PDB file of all heavy atoms in Angstrom:
ATOM      1  N   VAL A   1       3.614  -5.073 -12.601  1.00  0.00           N
ATOM      2  CA  VAL A   1       3.772  -5.042 -11.198  1.00  0.00           C
ATOM      3  C   VAL A   1       4.379  -3.745 -10.697  1.00  0.00           C
ATOM      4  O   VAL A   1       5.306  -3.161 -11.447  1.00  0.00           O
ATOM      5  CB  VAL A   1       4.369  -6.274 -10.579  1.00  0.00           C
ATOM      6  CG1 VAL A   1       3.759  -7.490 -10.919  1.00  0.00           C
ATOM      7  CG2 VAL A   1       5.834  -6.360 -11.203  1.00  0.00           C
ATOM      8  N   VAL A   2       4.029  -3.346  -9.594  1.00  0.00           N
ATOM      9  CA  VAL A   2       4.754  -2.264  -8.751  1.00  0.00           C
ATOM     10  C   VAL A   2       5.118  -2.822  -7.450  1.00  0.00           C
ATOM     11  O   VAL A   2       4.370  -2.935  -6.578  1.00  0.00           O
ATOM     12  CB  VAL A   2       3.754  -1.017  -8.564  1.00  0.00           C
ATOM     13  CG1 VAL A   2       4.468   0.040  -7.884  1.00  0.00           C
ATOM     14  CG2 VAL A   2       3.254  -0.575  -9.974  1.00  0.00           C
ATOM     15  N   PRO A   3       6.398  -3.280  -7.367  1.00  0.00           N
ATOM     16  CA  PRO A   3       6.867  -3.965  -6.124  1.00  0.00           C
ATOM     17  C   PRO A   3       7.394  -2.985  -5.127  1.00  0.00           C
ATOM     18  O   PRO A   3       8.242  -2.157  -5.483  1.00  0.00           O
ATOM     19  CB  PRO A   3       7.987  -4.873  -6.641  1.00  0.00           C
ATOM     20  CG  PRO A   3       8.101  -4.617  -8.099  1.00  0.00           C
ATOM     21  CD  PRO A   3       7.445  -3.343  -8.456  1.00  0.00           C
ATOM     22  N   LEU A   4       7.004  -3.097  -3.878  1.00  0.00           N
ATOM     23  CA  LEU A   4       7.368  -2.170  -2.883  1.00  0.00           C
ATOM     24  C   LEU A   4       7.597  -2.916  -1.561  1.00  0.00           C
ATOM     25  O   LEU A   4       6.636  -3.813  -1.240  1.00  0.00           O
ATOM     26  CB  LEU A   4       6.387  -1.026  -2.719  1.00  0.00           C
ATOM     27  CG  LEU A   4       6.787   0.098  -1.867  1.00  0.00           C
ATOM     28  CD1 LEU A   4       6.065   1.385  -2.510  1.00  0.00           C
ATOM     29  CD2 LEU A   4       6.250  -0.013  -0.372  1.00  0.00           C
ATOM     30  N   ASN A   5       8.695  -2.617  -0.838  1.00  0.00           N
ATOM     31  CA  ASN A   5       8.742  -3.315   0.468  1.00  0.00           C
ATOM     32  C   ASN A   5       9.236  -2.322   1.540  1.00  0.00           C
ATOM     33  O   ASN A   5       9.607  -1.158   1.188  1.00  0.00           O
ATOM     34  CB  ASN A   5       9.657  -4.503   0.463  1.00  0.00           C
ATOM     35  CG  ASN A   5      11.101  -4.219   0.299  1.00  0.00           C
ATOM     36  OD1 ASN A   5      11.545  -3.154   0.343  1.00  0.00           O
ATOM     37  ND2 ASN A   5      11.915  -5.359   0.309  1.00  0.00           N
ATOM     38  N   TYR A   6       9.156  -2.729   2.902  1.00  0.00           N
ATOM     39  CA  TYR A   6       9.399  -1.860   4.004  1.00  0.00           C
ATOM     40  C   TYR A   6       9.463  -2.755   5.119  1.00  0.00           C
ATOM     41  O   TYR A   6       9.168  -4.039   5.061  1.00  0.00           O
ATOM     42  CB  TYR A   6       8.220  -0.888   4.127  1.00  0.00           C
ATOM     43  CG  TYR A   6       6.815  -1.481   3.810  1.00  0.00           C
ATOM     44  CD1 TYR A   6       6.377  -2.501   4.708  1.00  0.00           C
ATOM     45  CD2 TYR A   6       6.152  -1.283   2.601  1.00  0.00           C
ATOM     46  CE1 TYR A   6       5.202  -3.127   4.415  1.00  0.00           C
ATOM     47  CE2 TYR A   6       4.889  -1.841   2.428  1.00  0.00           C
ATOM     48  CZ  TYR A   6       4.421  -2.824   3.266  1.00  0.00           C
ATOM     49  OH  TYR A   6       3.355  -3.513   3.043  1.00  0.00           O
ATOM     50  N   ARG A   7       9.796  -2.169   6.276  1.00  0.00           N
ATOM     51  CA  ARG A   7       9.859  -2.971   7.563  1.00  0.00           C
ATOM     52  C   ARG A   7       8.388  -3.308   7.939  1.00  0.00           C
ATOM     53  O   ARG A   7       7.519  -2.416   8.100  1.00  0.00           O
ATOM     54  CB  ARG A   7      10.418  -2.168   8.624  1.00  0.00           C
ATOM     55  CG  ARG A   7      11.947  -1.919   8.480  1.00  0.00           C
ATOM     56  CD  ARG A   7      12.515  -1.099   9.595  1.00  0.00           C
ATOM     57  NE  ARG A   7      14.011  -0.883   9.355  1.00  0.00           N
ATOM     58  CZ  ARG A   7      14.481   0.125   8.702  1.00  0.00           C
ATOM     59  NH1 ARG A   7      13.738   1.057   8.061  1.00  0.00           N
ATOM     60  NH2 ARG A   7      15.780   0.230   8.553  1.00  0.00           N
ATOM     61  N   GLY A   8       8.106  -4.585   8.087  1.00  0.00           N
ATOM     62  CA  GLY A   8       6.667  -5.086   8.299  1.00  0.00           C
ATOM     63  C   GLY A   8       6.306  -5.435   9.679  1.00  0.00           C
ATOM     64  O   GLY A   8       5.188  -5.540   9.958  1.00  0.00           O
ATOM     65  N   GLU A   9       7.315  -5.579  10.591  1.00  0.00           N
ATOM     66  CA  GLU A   9       6.941  -6.009  11.880  1.00  0.00           C
ATOM     67  C   GLU A   9       6.583  -4.896  12.843  1.00  0.00           C
ATOM     68  O   GLU A   9       6.883  -3.653  12.541  1.00  0.00           O
ATOM     69  CB  GLU A   9       8.091  -6.800  12.573  1.00  0.00           C
ATOM     70  CG  GLU A   9       8.576  -7.977  11.750  1.00  0.00           C
ATOM     71  CD  GLU A   9       7.629  -9.223  11.934  1.00  0.00           C
ATOM     72  OE1 GLU A   9       6.632  -9.126  12.799  1.00  0.00           O
ATOM     73  OE2 GLU A   9       7.826 -10.184  11.328  1.00  0.00           O
ATOM     74  N   ALA A  10       5.862  -5.204  13.910  1.00  0.00           N
ATOM     75  CA  ALA A  10       5.487  -4.105  14.890  1.00  0.00           C
ATOM     76  C   ALA A  10       6.839  -3.740  15.626  1.00  0.00           C
ATOM     77  O   ALA A  10       7.804  -4.503  15.639  1.00  0.00           O
ATOM     78  CB  ALA A  10       4.595  -4.677  15.856  1.00  0.00           C
ATOM     79  N   PRO A  11       6.897  -2.393  16.065  1.00  0.00           N
ATOM     80  CA  PRO A  11       5.844  -1.368  15.913  1.00  0.00           C
ATOM     81  C   PRO A  11       5.764  -0.626  14.601  1.00  0.00           C
ATOM     82  O   PRO A  11       6.823  -0.538  13.958  1.00  0.00           O
ATOM     83  CB  PRO A  11       6.253  -0.411  17.149  1.00  0.00           C
ATOM     84  CG  PRO A  11       7.761  -0.524  17.137  1.00  0.00           C
ATOM     85  CD  PRO A  11       8.071  -1.901  16.851  1.00  0.00           C
ATOM     86  N   VAL A  12       4.612  -0.273  14.270  1.00  0.00           N
ATOM     87  CA  VAL A  12       4.482   0.359  12.954  1.00  0.00           C
ATOM     88  C   VAL A  12       4.552   1.849  13.121  1.00  0.00           C
ATOM     89  O   VAL A  12       4.107   2.581  13.982  1.00  0.00           O
ATOM     90  CB  VAL A  12       2.973   0.058  12.359  1.00  0.00           C
ATOM     91  CG1 VAL A  12       2.813   0.759  11.156  1.00  0.00           C
ATOM     92  CG2 VAL A  12       2.814  -1.483  12.248  1.00  0.00           C
ATOM     93  N   ASN A  13       5.437   2.440  12.120  1.00  0.00           N
ATOM     94  CA  ASN A  13       5.643   3.780  12.062  1.00  0.00           C
ATOM     95  C   ASN A  13       4.548   4.496  11.404  1.00  0.00           C
ATOM     96  O   ASN A  13       4.484   4.293  10.117  1.00  0.00           O
ATOM     97  CB  ASN A  13       7.033   4.139  11.405  1.00  0.00           C
ATOM     98  CG  ASN A  13       7.440   5.531  11.336  1.00  0.00           C
ATOM     99  OD1 ASN A  13       6.546   6.474  11.194  1.00  0.00           O
ATOM    100  ND2 ASN A  13       8.677   5.842  11.533  1.00  0.00           N
ATOM    101  N   MET A  14       3.618   5.068  12.143  1.00  0.00           N
ATOM    102  CA  MET A  14       2.364   5.555  11.528  1.00  0.00           C
ATOM    103  C   MET A  14       2.606   6.624  10.463  1.00  0.00           C
ATOM    104  O   MET A  14       1.919   6.700   9.495  1.00  0.00           O
ATOM    105  CB  MET A  14       1.377   5.929  12.568  1.00  0.00           C
ATOM    106  CG  MET A  14       1.012   4.822  13.469  1.00  0.00           C
ATOM    107  SD  MET A  14       0.429   3.297  12.639  1.00  0.00           S
ATOM    108  CE  MET A  14      -0.964   4.033  11.734  1.00  0.00           C
ATOM    109  N   PRO A  15       3.413   7.510  10.731  1.00  0.00           N
ATOM    110  CA  PRO A  15       3.683   8.664   9.666  1.00  0.00           C
ATOM    111  C   PRO A  15       4.193   7.901   8.376  1.00  0.00           C
ATOM    112  O   PRO A  15       3.831   8.436   7.205  1.00  0.00           O
ATOM    113  CB  PRO A  15       4.678   9.558  10.299  1.00  0.00           C
ATOM    114  CG  PRO A  15       4.461   9.361  11.777  1.00  0.00           C
ATOM    115  CD  PRO A  15       4.200   7.997  11.989  1.00  0.00           C
ATOM    116  N   VAL A  16       5.018   6.902   8.482  1.00  0.00           N
ATOM    117  CA  VAL A  16       5.468   6.300   7.255  1.00  0.00           C
ATOM    118  C   VAL A  16       4.372   5.600   6.510  1.00  0.00           C
ATOM    119  O   VAL A  16       4.228   5.692   5.300  1.00  0.00           O
ATOM    120  CB  VAL A  16       6.552   5.215   7.620  1.00  0.00           C
ATOM    121  CG1 VAL A  16       6.938   4.321   6.463  1.00  0.00           C
ATOM    122  CG2 VAL A  16       7.910   5.971   8.090  1.00  0.00           C
ATOM    123  N   VAL A  17       3.465   4.802   7.218  1.00  0.00           N
ATOM    124  CA  VAL A  17       2.431   4.178   6.414  1.00  0.00           C
ATOM    125  C   VAL A  17       1.328   5.137   6.040  1.00  0.00           C
ATOM    126  O   VAL A  17       0.706   4.919   4.877  1.00  0.00           O
ATOM    127  CB  VAL A  17       1.819   2.946   7.365  1.00  0.00           C
ATOM    128  CG1 VAL A  17       2.886   1.960   7.623  1.00  0.00           C
ATOM    129  CG2 VAL A  17       1.173   3.592   8.598  1.00  0.00           C
ATOM    130  N   ASN A  18       1.060   6.275   6.689  1.00  0.00           N
ATOM    131  CA  ASN A  18       0.141   7.212   6.203  1.00  0.00           C
ATOM    132  C   ASN A  18       0.642   7.900   4.954  1.00  0.00           C
ATOM    133  O   ASN A  18      -0.096   8.235   4.056  1.00  0.00           O
ATOM    134  CB  ASN A  18      -0.187   8.199   7.279  1.00  0.00           C
ATOM    135  CG  ASN A  18      -1.164   7.576   8.312  1.00  0.00           C
ATOM    136  OD1 ASN A  18      -2.194   7.090   7.911  1.00  0.00           O
ATOM    137  ND2 ASN A  18      -0.943   7.797   9.558  1.00  0.00           N
ATOM    138  N   ARG A  19       1.965   8.205   4.875  1.00  0.00           N
ATOM    139  CA  ARG A  19       2.615   8.725   3.750  1.00  0.00           C
ATOM    140  C   ARG A  19       2.413   7.752   2.556  1.00  0.00           C
ATOM    141  O   ARG A  19       2.089   8.228   1.431  1.00  0.00           O
ATOM    142  CB  ARG A  19       3.994   9.097   3.954  1.00  0.00           C
ATOM    143  CG  ARG A  19       4.603   9.789   2.846  1.00  0.00           C
ATOM    144  CD  ARG A  19       6.115  10.193   3.098  1.00  0.00           C
ATOM    145  NE  ARG A  19       6.729  10.987   1.914  1.00  0.00           N
ATOM    146  CZ  ARG A  19       7.981  11.273   1.946  1.00  0.00           C
ATOM    147  NH1 ARG A  19       8.838  10.951   2.926  1.00  0.00           N
ATOM    148  NH2 ARG A  19       8.465  11.975   0.932  1.00  0.00           N
ATOM    149  N   LEU A  20       2.708   6.478   2.752  1.00  0.00           N
ATOM    150  CA  LEU A  20       2.564   5.453   1.703  1.00  0.00           C
ATOM    151  C   LEU A  20       1.057   5.438   1.139  1.00  0.00           C
ATOM    152  O   LEU A  20       0.825   5.376  -0.006  1.00  0.00           O
ATOM    153  CB  LEU A  20       2.976   4.143   2.296  1.00  0.00           C
ATOM    154  CG  LEU A  20       2.881   2.953   1.252  1.00  0.00           C
ATOM    155  CD1 LEU A  20       3.642   3.279  -0.028  1.00  0.00           C
ATOM    156  CD2 LEU A  20       3.401   1.691   1.929  1.00  0.00           C
ATOM    157  N   TRP A  21       0.147   5.477   2.140  1.00  0.00           N
ATOM    158  CA  TRP A  21      -1.341   5.441   1.808  1.00  0.00           C
ATOM    159  C   TRP A  21      -1.746   6.722   0.880  1.00  0.00           C
ATOM    160  O   TRP A  21      -2.443   6.591  -0.033  1.00  0.00           O
ATOM    161  CB  TRP A  21      -2.179   5.461   2.972  1.00  0.00           C
ATOM    162  CG  TRP A  21      -3.654   5.564   2.725  1.00  0.00           C
ATOM    163  CD1 TRP A  21      -4.392   6.580   3.137  1.00  0.00           C
ATOM    164  CD2 TRP A  21      -4.508   4.754   1.861  1.00  0.00           C
ATOM    165  NE1 TRP A  21      -5.725   6.499   2.723  1.00  0.00           N
ATOM    166  CE2 TRP A  21      -5.824   5.387   1.949  1.00  0.00           C
ATOM    167  CE3 TRP A  21      -4.388   3.695   1.102  1.00  0.00           C
ATOM    168  CZ2 TRP A  21      -6.943   4.889   1.221  1.00  0.00           C
ATOM    169  CZ3 TRP A  21      -5.459   3.144   0.413  1.00  0.00           C
ATOM    170  CH2 TRP A  21      -6.669   3.763   0.467  1.00  0.00           C
ATOM    171  N   LYS A  22      -1.173   7.899   1.269  1.00  0.00           N
ATOM    172  CA  LYS A  22      -1.431   9.062   0.555  1.00  0.00           C
ATOM    173  C   LYS A  22      -1.004   8.932  -0.868  1.00  0.00           C
ATOM    174  O   LYS A  22      -1.676   9.428  -1.849  1.00  0.00           O
ATOM    175  CB  LYS A  22      -0.834  10.273   1.245  1.00  0.00           C
ATOM    176  CG  LYS A  22      -1.123  11.557   0.548  1.00  0.00           C
ATOM    177  CD  LYS A  22      -0.458  12.760   1.239  1.00  0.00           C
ATOM    178  CE  LYS A  22      -0.678  14.027   0.638  1.00  0.00           C
ATOM    179  NZ  LYS A  22      -0.040  15.242   1.246  1.00  0.00           N
ATOM    180  N   SER A  23       0.065   8.291  -0.996  1.00  0.00           N
ATOM    181  CA  SER A  23       0.642   8.218  -2.461  1.00  0.00           C
ATOM    182  C   SER A  23       0.013   7.003  -3.248  1.00  0.00           C
ATOM    183  O   SER A  23      -0.145   7.151  -4.394  1.00  0.00           O
ATOM    184  CB  SER A  23       2.209   7.777  -2.387  1.00  0.00           C
ATOM    185  OG  SER A  23       2.952   8.886  -1.870  1.00  0.00           O
ATOM    186  N   LEU A  24      -0.441   5.931  -2.528  1.00  0.00           N
ATOM    187  CA  LEU A  24      -0.997   4.825  -3.320  1.00  0.00           C
ATOM    188  C   LEU A  24      -2.534   4.970  -3.562  1.00  0.00           C
ATOM    189  O   LEU A  24      -3.127   4.444  -4.485  1.00  0.00           O
ATOM    190  CB  LEU A  24      -0.791   3.477  -2.504  1.00  0.00           C
ATOM    191  CG  LEU A  24       0.682   3.037  -2.429  1.00  0.00           C
ATOM    192  CD1 LEU A  24       0.640   1.733  -1.664  1.00  0.00           C
ATOM    193  CD2 LEU A  24       1.217   2.864  -3.817  1.00  0.00           C
ATOM    194  N   SER A  25      -3.255   5.565  -2.611  1.00  0.00           N
ATOM    195  CA  SER A  25      -4.708   5.727  -2.688  1.00  0.00           C
ATOM    196  C   SER A  25      -5.235   6.265  -4.015  1.00  0.00           C
ATOM    197  O   SER A  25      -6.290   5.831  -4.392  1.00  0.00           O
ATOM    198  CB  SER A  25      -5.259   6.582  -1.573  1.00  0.00           C
ATOM    199  OG  SER A  25      -4.795   7.851  -1.484  1.00  0.00           O
ATOM    200  N   PRO A  26      -4.576   7.231  -4.705  1.00  0.00           N
ATOM    201  CA  PRO A  26      -5.209   7.729  -5.872  1.00  0.00           C
ATOM    202  C   PRO A  26      -5.268   6.619  -7.066  1.00  0.00           C
ATOM    203  O   PRO A  26      -6.136   6.698  -7.919  1.00  0.00           O
ATOM    204  CB  PRO A  26      -4.306   8.816  -6.439  1.00  0.00           C
ATOM    205  CG  PRO A  26      -3.577   9.337  -5.175  1.00  0.00           C
ATOM    206  CD  PRO A  26      -3.498   8.096  -4.302  1.00  0.00           C
ATOM    207  N   TYR A  27      -4.466   5.638  -6.905  1.00  0.00           N
ATOM    208  CA  TYR A  27      -4.484   4.513  -7.806  1.00  0.00           C
ATOM    209  C   TYR A  27      -5.628   3.636  -7.716  1.00  0.00           C
ATOM    210  O   TYR A  27      -5.941   2.687  -8.553  1.00  0.00           O
ATOM    211  CB  TYR A  27      -3.175   3.762  -7.741  1.00  0.00           C
ATOM    212  CG  TYR A  27      -2.018   4.469  -8.312  1.00  0.00           C
ATOM    213  CD1 TYR A  27      -1.135   5.054  -7.253  1.00  0.00           C
ATOM    214  CD2 TYR A  27      -1.736   4.545  -9.583  1.00  0.00           C
ATOM    215  CE1 TYR A  27      -0.011   5.842  -7.631  1.00  0.00           C
ATOM    216  CE2 TYR A  27      -0.388   5.290  -9.959  1.00  0.00           C
ATOM    217  CZ  TYR A  27       0.350   5.954  -9.026  1.00  0.00           C
ATOM    218  OH  TYR A  27       1.407   6.616  -9.416  1.00  0.00           O
ATOM    219  N   PHE A  28      -6.504   3.766  -6.688  1.00  0.00           N
ATOM    220  CA  PHE A  28      -7.542   2.916  -6.425  1.00  0.00           C
ATOM    221  C   PHE A  28      -8.842   3.791  -6.296  1.00  0.00           C
ATOM    222  O   PHE A  28      -9.802   3.359  -5.625  1.00  0.00           O
ATOM    223  CB  PHE A  28      -7.369   2.117  -5.117  1.00  0.00           C
ATOM    224  CG  PHE A  28      -6.169   1.140  -5.145  1.00  0.00           C
ATOM    225  CD1 PHE A  28      -4.920   1.634  -4.775  1.00  0.00           C
ATOM    226  CD2 PHE A  28      -6.318  -0.111  -5.797  1.00  0.00           C
ATOM    227  CE1 PHE A  28      -3.695   0.848  -4.967  1.00  0.00           C
ATOM    228  CE2 PHE A  28      -5.140  -0.910  -5.898  1.00  0.00           C
ATOM    229  CZ  PHE A  28      -3.908  -0.380  -5.474  1.00  0.00           C
ATOM    230  N   GLU A  29      -8.872   4.844  -7.067  1.00  0.00           N
ATOM    231  CA  GLU A  29     -10.063   5.708  -7.214  1.00  0.00           C
ATOM    232  C   GLU A  29     -10.540   5.652  -8.621  1.00  0.00           C
ATOM    233  O   GLU A  29      -9.720   5.642  -9.613  1.00  0.00           O
ATOM    234  CB  GLU A  29      -9.676   7.148  -6.874  1.00  0.00           C
ATOM    235  CG  GLU A  29      -9.286   7.276  -5.455  1.00  0.00           C
ATOM    236  CD  GLU A  29      -8.843   8.761  -5.155  1.00  0.00           C
ATOM    237  OE1 GLU A  29      -8.618   9.441  -6.142  1.00  0.00           O
ATOM    238  OE2 GLU A  29      -8.669   9.180  -3.989  1.00  0.00           O
ATOM    239  N   GLY A  30     -11.947   5.822  -8.779  1.00  0.00           N
ATOM    240  CA  GLY A  30     -12.481   5.643 -10.123  1.00  0.00           C
ATOM    241  C   GLY A  30     -12.049   4.559 -11.057  1.00  0.00           C
ATOM    242  O   GLY A  30     -12.069   3.400 -10.554  1.00  0.00           O
ATOM    243  N   ALA A  31     -11.501   4.904 -12.258  1.00  0.00           N
ATOM    244  CA  ALA A  31     -11.128   3.880 -13.167  1.00  0.00           C
ATOM    245  C   ALA A  31      -9.864   3.088 -12.607  1.00  0.00           C
ATOM    246  O   ALA A  31      -9.802   1.969 -12.966  1.00  0.00           O
ATOM    247  CB  ALA A  31     -10.754   4.581 -14.504  1.00  0.00           C
ATOM    248  N   GLY A  32      -9.180   3.701 -11.797  1.00  0.00           N
ATOM    249  CA  GLY A  32      -8.030   2.964 -11.244  1.00  0.00           C
ATOM    250  C   GLY A  32      -8.514   1.706 -10.401  1.00  0.00           C
ATOM    251  O   GLY A  32      -7.675   0.613 -10.463  1.00  0.00           O
ATOM    252  N   ALA A  33      -9.565   1.747  -9.863  1.00  0.00           N
ATOM    253  CA  ALA A  33     -10.137   0.598  -9.053  1.00  0.00           C
ATOM    254  C   ALA A  33     -10.421  -0.607 -10.017  1.00  0.00           C
ATOM    255  O   ALA A  33     -10.237  -1.740  -9.639  1.00  0.00           O
ATOM    256  CB  ALA A  33     -11.276   0.925  -8.349  1.00  0.00           C
ATOM    257  N   GLU A  34     -10.706  -0.267 -11.221  1.00  0.00           N
ATOM    258  CA  GLU A  34     -10.953  -1.295 -12.189  1.00  0.00           C
ATOM    259  C   GLU A  34      -9.655  -1.882 -12.841  1.00  0.00           C
ATOM    260  O   GLU A  34      -9.696  -2.998 -13.346  1.00  0.00           O
ATOM    261  CB  GLU A  34     -11.823  -0.817 -13.400  1.00  0.00           C
ATOM    262  CG  GLU A  34     -13.176  -0.121 -12.990  1.00  0.00           C
ATOM    263  CD  GLU A  34     -14.092  -1.218 -12.425  1.00  0.00           C
ATOM    264  OE1 GLU A  34     -14.007  -2.351 -12.988  1.00  0.00           O
ATOM    265  OE2 GLU A  34     -14.830  -0.953 -11.553  1.00  0.00           O
ATOM    266  N   GLU A  35      -8.532  -1.078 -12.819  1.00  0.00           N
ATOM    267  CA  GLU A  35      -7.313  -1.466 -13.420  1.00  0.00           C
ATOM    268  C   GLU A  35      -6.305  -2.082 -12.376  1.00  0.00           C
ATOM    269  O   GLU A  35      -5.585  -3.017 -12.751  1.00  0.00           O
ATOM    270  CB  GLU A  35      -6.621  -0.325 -14.012  1.00  0.00           C
ATOM    271  CG  GLU A  35      -7.592   0.317 -15.163  1.00  0.00           C
ATOM    272  CD  GLU A  35      -6.863   1.699 -15.657  1.00  0.00           C
ATOM    273  OE1 GLU A  35      -5.893   2.139 -14.989  1.00  0.00           O
ATOM    274  OE2 GLU A  35      -7.431   2.355 -16.573  1.00  0.00           O
ATOM    275  N   ASN A  36      -6.311  -1.641 -11.242  1.00  0.00           N
ATOM    276  CA  ASN A  36      -5.217  -1.888 -10.295  1.00  0.00           C
ATOM    277  C   ASN A  36      -5.804  -2.895  -9.264  1.00  0.00           C
ATOM    278  O   ASN A  36      -6.944  -2.938  -8.851  1.00  0.00           O
ATOM    279  CB  ASN A  36      -4.706  -0.621  -9.636  1.00  0.00           C
ATOM    280  CG  ASN A  36      -4.128   0.322 -10.713  1.00  0.00           C
ATOM    281  OD1 ASN A  36      -3.512  -0.137 -11.643  1.00  0.00           O
ATOM    282  ND2 ASN A  36      -4.455   1.640 -10.563  1.00  0.00           N
ATOM    283  N   PHE A  37      -4.759  -3.545  -8.560  1.00  0.00           N
ATOM    284  CA  PHE A  37      -5.156  -4.457  -7.489  1.00  0.00           C
ATOM    285  C   PHE A  37      -4.110  -4.371  -6.399  1.00  0.00           C
ATOM    286  O   PHE A  37      -2.791  -4.320  -6.674  1.00  0.00           O
ATOM    287  CB  PHE A  37      -5.214  -5.941  -7.978  1.00  0.00           C
ATOM    288  CG  PHE A  37      -5.757  -6.892  -6.991  1.00  0.00           C
ATOM    289  CD1 PHE A  37      -7.133  -7.177  -6.819  1.00  0.00           C
ATOM    290  CD2 PHE A  37      -4.875  -7.553  -6.042  1.00  0.00           C
ATOM    291  CE1 PHE A  37      -7.538  -8.124  -5.860  1.00  0.00           C
ATOM    292  CE2 PHE A  37      -5.404  -8.453  -5.072  1.00  0.00           C
ATOM    293  CZ  PHE A  37      -6.707  -8.611  -5.042  1.00  0.00           C
ATOM    294  N   LEU A  38      -4.555  -4.149  -5.196  1.00  0.00           N
ATOM    295  CA  LEU A  38      -3.647  -3.937  -3.965  1.00  0.00           C
ATOM    296  C   LEU A  38      -3.401  -5.438  -3.405  1.00  0.00           C
ATOM    297  O   LEU A  38      -4.316  -5.949  -2.872  1.00  0.00           O
ATOM    298  CB  LEU A  38      -4.271  -3.055  -2.855  1.00  0.00           C
ATOM    299  CG  LEU A  38      -3.395  -2.812  -1.737  1.00  0.00           C
ATOM    300  CD1 LEU A  38      -2.167  -2.063  -2.053  1.00  0.00           C
ATOM    301  CD2 LEU A  38      -4.194  -2.011  -0.657  1.00  0.00           C
ATOM    302  N   LEU A  39      -2.167  -5.921  -3.620  1.00  0.00           N
ATOM    303  CA  LEU A  39      -1.793  -7.244  -3.148  1.00  0.00           C
ATOM    304  C   LEU A  39      -0.927  -7.177  -1.951  1.00  0.00           C
ATOM    305  O   LEU A  39       0.140  -6.799  -1.989  1.00  0.00           O
ATOM    306  CB  LEU A  39      -1.136  -7.985  -4.385  1.00  0.00           C
ATOM    307  CG  LEU A  39      -0.633  -9.322  -4.164  1.00  0.00           C
ATOM    308  CD1 LEU A  39      -1.743 -10.287  -3.652  1.00  0.00           C
ATOM    309  CD2 LEU A  39       0.055  -9.945  -5.562  1.00  0.00           C
ATOM    310  N   ILE A  40      -1.453  -7.721  -0.884  1.00  0.00           N
ATOM    311  CA  ILE A  40      -0.656  -7.653   0.438  1.00  0.00           C
ATOM    312  C   ILE A  40      -0.063  -9.143   0.646  1.00  0.00           C
ATOM    313  O   ILE A  40      -0.732 -10.094   0.797  1.00  0.00           O
ATOM    314  CB  ILE A  40      -1.612  -7.323   1.571  1.00  0.00           C
ATOM    315  CG1 ILE A  40      -2.469  -6.184   1.361  1.00  0.00           C
ATOM    316  CG2 ILE A  40      -0.883  -7.304   2.928  1.00  0.00           C
ATOM    317  CD1 ILE A  40      -1.661  -4.924   1.052  1.00  0.00           C
ATOM    318  N   SER A  41       1.187  -9.132   0.483  1.00  0.00           N
ATOM    319  CA  SER A  41       2.088 -10.277   0.652  1.00  0.00           C
ATOM    320  C   SER A  41       2.291 -10.443   2.240  1.00  0.00           C
ATOM    321  O   SER A  41       3.212  -9.827   2.736  1.00  0.00           O
ATOM    322  CB  SER A  41       3.348 -10.244  -0.182  1.00  0.00           C
ATOM    323  OG  SER A  41       4.185 -11.394   0.053  1.00  0.00           O
ATOM    324  N   SER A  42       1.725 -11.636   2.706  1.00  0.00           N
ATOM    325  CA  SER A  42       1.841 -11.719   4.208  1.00  0.00           C
ATOM    326  C   SER A  42       1.568 -13.000   4.702  1.00  0.00           C
ATOM    327  O   SER A  42       0.728 -13.762   4.105  1.00  0.00           O
ATOM    328  CB  SER A  42       0.862 -10.691   4.913  1.00  0.00           C
ATOM    329  OG  SER A  42       1.039 -10.654   6.317  1.00  0.00           O
ATOM    330  N   ASP A  43       2.310 -13.455   5.790  1.00  0.00           N
ATOM    331  CA  ASP A  43       2.060 -14.635   6.589  1.00  0.00           C
ATOM    332  C   ASP A  43       1.699 -14.333   7.962  1.00  0.00           C
ATOM    333  O   ASP A  43       2.012 -13.106   8.374  1.00  0.00           O
ATOM    334  CB  ASP A  43       3.154 -15.600   6.492  1.00  0.00           C
ATOM    335  CG  ASP A  43       3.442 -16.089   5.060  1.00  0.00           C
ATOM    336  OD1 ASP A  43       2.505 -16.573   4.415  1.00  0.00           O
ATOM    337  OD2 ASP A  43       4.571 -16.075   4.602  1.00  0.00           O
ATOM    338  N   PHE A  44       1.039 -15.110   8.781  1.00  0.00           N
ATOM    339  CA  PHE A  44       0.563 -14.721  10.029  1.00  0.00           C
ATOM    340  C   PHE A  44       1.067 -15.702  11.096  1.00  0.00           C
ATOM    341  O   PHE A  44       1.541 -16.837  10.884  1.00  0.00           O
ATOM    342  CB  PHE A  44      -1.014 -14.858   9.990  1.00  0.00           C
ATOM    343  CG  PHE A  44      -1.610 -13.844   9.055  1.00  0.00           C
ATOM    344  CD1 PHE A  44      -1.636 -13.992   7.736  1.00  0.00           C
ATOM    345  CD2 PHE A  44      -2.265 -12.728   9.696  1.00  0.00           C
ATOM    346  CE1 PHE A  44      -2.135 -12.988   6.775  1.00  0.00           C
ATOM    347  CE2 PHE A  44      -2.866 -11.732   8.776  1.00  0.00           C
ATOM    348  CZ  PHE A  44      -2.674 -11.912   7.387  1.00  0.00           C
TER     349      PHE A  44
END
């Protein structure tokens, strides 16, 4: 597992989440998409 947390409630800091996406997105390209799973822990 790769456990990561952050402030989850609104308002969302868009520069913070875009930086996170830039770092995580390569893990879900090509062969990474077959190995890794993006698990969103959330209630509504």
